[in-house]
N, C-alpha and C. Protein backbone atom coordinates (compact mmCIF):
# COMPACT_ATOMS: atom_id res chain seq x y z
N UNK A 1 -0.17 17.72 9.58
CA UNK A 1 0.11 16.57 9.95
C UNK A 1 1.07 15.75 9.18
N UNK A 2 1.80 15.18 9.80
CA UNK A 2 3.01 14.54 9.08
C UNK A 2 2.81 13.73 8.30
N UNK A 3 1.67 12.65 8.40
CA UNK A 3 1.65 11.67 7.60
C UNK A 3 1.21 12.32 5.97
N UNK A 4 0.42 13.34 5.88
CA UNK A 4 0.17 13.97 4.63
C UNK A 4 1.21 14.74 4.17
N UNK A 5 1.73 15.08 4.85
CA UNK A 5 3.20 15.82 4.31
C UNK A 5 4.13 14.72 3.58
N UNK A 6 4.18 13.81 4.35
CA UNK A 6 5.14 12.68 3.85
C UNK A 6 4.53 12.06 2.45
N UNK A 7 2.77 11.97 2.39
CA UNK A 7 2.24 11.10 1.36
C UNK A 7 2.70 12.15 -0.14
N UNK A 8 2.27 13.48 0.61
CA UNK A 8 2.21 14.55 -0.61
C UNK A 8 3.56 14.77 -1.71
N UNK A 9 4.74 14.56 -0.64
CA UNK A 9 5.91 14.96 -1.08
C UNK A 9 6.26 14.21 -2.28
N UNK A 10 5.85 13.04 -2.47
CA UNK A 10 6.02 12.43 -3.76
C UNK A 10 5.40 12.60 -4.71
N UNK A 11 4.40 13.54 -4.92
CA UNK A 11 3.27 13.70 -5.86
C UNK A 11 3.67 15.16 -6.43
N UNK A 12 3.10 15.86 -7.71
CA UNK A 12 3.53 16.75 -8.37
C UNK A 12 2.51 17.79 -7.40
N UNK A 13 3.21 18.98 -7.03
CA UNK A 13 2.63 20.05 -6.19
C UNK A 13 1.01 20.44 -6.96
N UNK A 14 0.89 20.36 -8.26
CA UNK A 14 -0.48 20.69 -8.80
C UNK A 14 -1.55 19.63 -8.36
N UNK A 15 -1.40 18.38 -8.00
CA UNK A 15 -2.07 17.70 -7.47
C UNK A 15 -2.67 17.60 -5.77
N UNK A 16 -1.74 18.57 -5.18
CA UNK A 16 -1.87 18.75 -3.77
C UNK A 16 -3.41 18.98 -3.60
N UNK A 17 -3.76 19.97 -3.86
CA UNK A 17 -5.25 20.52 -3.79
C UNK A 17 -6.38 19.23 -3.48
N UNK A 18 -6.00 18.73 -4.88
CA UNK A 18 -6.89 17.64 -4.82
C UNK A 18 -6.70 16.51 -4.02
N UNK A 19 -5.39 15.77 -3.78
CA UNK A 19 -5.19 14.86 -3.07
C UNK A 19 -5.14 14.76 -1.47
N UNK A 20 -4.77 16.27 -0.97
CA UNK A 20 -4.89 16.15 0.19
C UNK A 20 -6.31 16.15 0.88
N UNK A 21 -7.37 16.82 0.68
CA UNK A 21 -8.61 16.16 0.98
C UNK A 21 -9.22 14.42 1.16
N UNK A 22 -8.75 14.03 0.23
CA UNK A 22 -8.78 12.42 0.12
C UNK A 22 -8.06 11.63 0.99
N UNK A 23 -6.55 12.31 1.26
CA UNK A 23 -5.54 11.60 1.92
C UNK A 23 -5.90 11.75 3.46
N UNK A 24 -6.86 12.95 3.95
CA UNK A 24 -7.02 13.35 5.21
C UNK A 24 -8.51 12.76 5.56
N UNK A 25 -9.16 12.24 4.62
CA UNK A 25 -10.36 11.39 4.55
C UNK A 25 -9.76 10.08 5.21
N UNK A 26 -8.70 9.53 4.52
CA UNK A 26 -8.49 8.08 4.73
C UNK A 26 -8.00 7.89 6.07
N UNK A 27 -6.98 8.66 6.51
CA UNK A 27 -6.71 9.06 7.62
C UNK A 27 -7.60 8.87 8.79
N UNK A 28 -8.67 9.55 8.39
CA UNK A 28 -9.77 9.65 9.66
C UNK A 28 -10.44 8.27 9.62
N UNK A 29 -10.43 7.61 8.64
CA UNK A 29 -11.37 6.48 8.30
C UNK A 29 -10.81 5.15 8.50
N UNK A 30 -9.34 5.17 7.86
CA UNK A 30 -8.50 4.21 8.41
C UNK A 30 -7.24 4.02 9.15
N UNK A 31 -6.91 5.43 9.36
CA UNK A 31 -5.98 5.65 10.27
C UNK A 31 -4.63 5.81 9.69
N UNK A 32 -4.39 5.38 8.43
CA UNK A 32 -3.13 5.73 7.58
C UNK A 32 -3.77 6.21 6.08
N UNK A 33 -2.71 6.50 5.10
CA UNK A 33 -3.02 6.47 3.85
C UNK A 33 -2.80 5.46 3.08
N UNK A 34 -3.68 5.26 2.13
CA UNK A 34 -3.30 4.09 1.13
C UNK A 34 -3.56 4.47 -0.27
N UNK A 35 -3.84 5.87 -0.27
CA UNK A 35 -4.12 6.54 -1.88
C UNK A 35 -4.63 5.47 -2.65
N UNK A 36 -5.99 5.02 -2.57
CA UNK A 36 -6.64 4.33 -3.21
C UNK A 36 -6.92 4.60 -4.88
N UNK A 37 -6.80 5.69 -5.12
CA UNK A 37 -6.95 6.16 -6.45
C UNK A 37 -5.77 5.62 -7.12
N UNK A 38 -5.09 5.42 -6.53
CA UNK A 38 -3.62 4.88 -7.12
C UNK A 38 -3.57 3.36 -7.25
N UNK A 39 -4.31 2.60 -6.65
CA UNK A 39 -4.46 1.01 -6.37
C UNK A 39 -4.44 0.39 -7.73
N UNK A 40 -3.90 -0.57 -8.09
CA UNK A 40 -4.26 -1.45 -9.60
C UNK A 40 -5.71 -1.87 -9.05
N UNK A 41 -6.16 -1.94 -10.20
CA UNK A 41 -7.27 -2.70 -10.63
C UNK A 41 -7.10 -4.28 -10.31
N UNK A 42 -8.00 -4.89 -9.95
CA UNK A 42 -7.88 -6.28 -9.71
C UNK A 42 -7.27 -6.95 -8.20
N UNK A 43 -7.34 -8.26 -8.17
CA UNK A 43 -7.30 -8.70 -7.13
C UNK A 43 -5.38 -8.70 -6.72
N UNK A 44 -4.96 -8.17 -5.61
CA UNK A 44 -3.51 -8.37 -5.42
C UNK A 44 -3.29 -9.59 -4.58
N UNK A 45 -2.22 -10.27 -4.97
CA UNK A 45 -1.91 -11.40 -3.97
C UNK A 45 -0.43 -11.83 -3.92
N UNK A 46 0.04 -12.59 -3.26
CA UNK A 46 1.35 -13.27 -3.13
C UNK A 46 1.73 -14.45 -3.69
N UNK A 47 2.32 -14.63 -4.56
CA UNK A 47 2.67 -16.04 -5.48
C UNK A 47 3.71 -16.68 -4.37
N UNK A 48 3.47 -18.03 -4.45
CA UNK A 48 4.32 -18.97 -4.31
C UNK A 48 6.14 -18.57 -4.32
N UNK A 49 6.92 -18.88 -3.03
CA UNK A 49 8.06 -18.07 -3.03
C UNK A 49 8.86 -18.86 -4.15
N UNK A 50 8.78 -19.72 -4.44
CA UNK A 50 9.38 -20.28 -5.92
C UNK A 50 9.24 -19.84 -7.28
N UNK A 51 8.27 -19.07 -7.51
CA UNK A 51 7.93 -18.32 -8.41
C UNK A 51 8.33 -16.85 -8.63
N UNK A 52 9.03 -16.33 -7.56
CA UNK A 52 9.80 -15.38 -7.45
C UNK A 52 11.21 -15.21 -8.46
N UNK A 53 11.74 -14.29 -8.82
CA UNK A 53 13.27 -14.53 -9.40
C UNK A 53 14.27 -13.83 -8.42
N UNK A 54 15.13 -14.57 -8.24
CA UNK A 54 16.24 -14.14 -7.17
C UNK A 54 17.31 -15.16 -6.71
N UNK A 55 18.36 -14.69 -6.02
CA UNK A 55 19.46 -15.70 -5.79
C UNK A 55 19.41 -16.40 -4.69
N UNK A 56 18.58 -15.87 -3.63
CA UNK A 56 18.22 -16.31 -2.27
C UNK A 56 16.86 -16.50 -1.86
N UNK A 57 16.53 -17.60 -0.86
CA UNK A 57 15.38 -17.68 -0.29
C UNK A 57 14.83 -16.49 0.37
N UNK A 58 15.85 -15.66 1.05
CA UNK A 58 15.47 -14.77 1.83
C UNK A 58 14.95 -13.61 0.96
N UNK A 59 15.74 -13.08 -0.37
CA UNK A 59 15.10 -12.22 -1.23
C UNK A 59 13.75 -12.32 -1.59
N UNK A 60 13.79 -13.70 -2.12
CA UNK A 60 12.08 -13.92 -2.71
C UNK A 60 11.39 -13.70 -1.51
N UNK A 61 11.53 -14.13 -0.14
CA UNK A 61 10.54 -14.05 0.88
C UNK A 61 10.13 -12.53 1.17
N UNK A 62 11.40 -11.93 0.97
CA UNK A 62 11.10 -10.48 1.08
C UNK A 62 9.81 -10.06 -0.04
N UNK A 63 9.98 -10.53 -1.19
CA UNK A 63 9.09 -10.04 -2.18
C UNK A 63 7.64 -10.38 -2.01
N UNK A 64 7.56 -11.65 -1.39
CA UNK A 64 6.25 -12.13 -1.16
C UNK A 64 5.45 -11.26 -0.02
N UNK A 65 6.46 -11.00 1.08
CA UNK A 65 5.95 -10.25 2.20
C UNK A 65 5.65 -8.77 1.59
N UNK A 66 6.23 -8.24 0.74
CA UNK A 66 5.73 -6.85 0.00
C UNK A 66 4.24 -7.18 -0.62
N UNK A 67 4.14 -8.17 -1.20
CA UNK A 67 2.83 -8.42 -2.20
C UNK A 67 1.95 -8.52 -1.32
N UNK A 68 2.18 -9.55 -0.27
CA UNK A 68 0.69 -9.78 0.63
C UNK A 68 0.66 -8.57 1.54
N UNK A 69 1.35 -7.63 1.51
CA UNK A 69 0.94 -6.55 2.24
C UNK A 69 0.10 -5.72 1.51
N UNK A 70 0.09 -5.87 0.26
CA UNK A 70 -1.13 -5.11 -0.67
C UNK A 70 -2.51 -5.51 -0.43
N UNK A 71 -2.28 -6.91 0.21
CA UNK A 71 -3.84 -7.42 0.80
C UNK A 71 -4.48 -6.54 1.58
N UNK A 72 -3.55 -6.18 2.29
CA UNK A 72 -4.16 -5.03 3.69
C UNK A 72 -4.42 -3.88 3.38
N UNK A 73 -4.31 -3.79 2.01
CA UNK A 73 -4.92 -2.15 1.52
C UNK A 73 -6.31 -2.31 1.06
N UNK A 74 -7.00 -3.44 0.88
CA UNK A 74 -8.25 -3.83 0.19
C UNK A 74 -8.82 -3.03 0.90
N UNK A 75 -9.93 -2.25 0.42
CA UNK A 75 -11.11 -1.44 1.29
C UNK A 75 -12.04 -2.25 2.37
N UNK A 76 -12.43 -3.59 1.75
CA UNK A 76 -13.29 -4.30 2.33
C UNK A 76 -12.87 -5.58 3.08
N UNK A 77 -11.60 -5.59 2.88
CA UNK A 77 -11.01 -6.89 3.88
C UNK A 77 -10.19 -6.17 4.65
N UNK A 78 -10.13 -6.83 6.09
CA UNK A 78 -9.38 -6.68 7.12
C UNK A 78 -7.57 -7.15 6.77
N UNK A 79 -6.95 -6.54 7.03
CA UNK A 79 -5.69 -7.21 7.15
C UNK A 79 -5.39 -8.70 8.13
N UNK A 80 -5.02 -9.60 7.66
CA UNK A 80 -4.76 -10.49 8.33
C UNK A 80 -3.48 -11.21 8.28
N UNK A 81 -2.68 -10.25 7.80
CA UNK A 81 -0.82 -10.72 8.00
C UNK A 81 -0.44 -10.29 9.52
N UNK A 82 0.55 -11.19 9.96
CA UNK A 82 1.11 -10.85 11.20
C UNK A 82 1.64 -9.56 11.20
N UNK A 83 1.54 -8.67 11.87
CA UNK A 83 2.15 -7.50 12.45
C UNK A 83 1.42 -6.50 11.34
N UNK A 84 0.24 -6.89 10.91
CA UNK A 84 -0.68 -5.68 9.75
C UNK A 84 -1.19 -5.18 10.62
């Protein structure tokens, strides 16, 4: 399974035996690997674009997009962002 191999390559090999079954279950349940055990506690949200540091609006907008994609990984909330 390519998705599993791609996810595990970023982690220490001594964690593979523990994480592989969790990741396979995420693929079965959700269609992709989110690695929920590494998700930060609390609500994830994108701030207004003017609150990001940067030299151009496009760069700030990209940061907003990345933050808002985090909303799509919440287990109980369906993704409502375009293209998600």
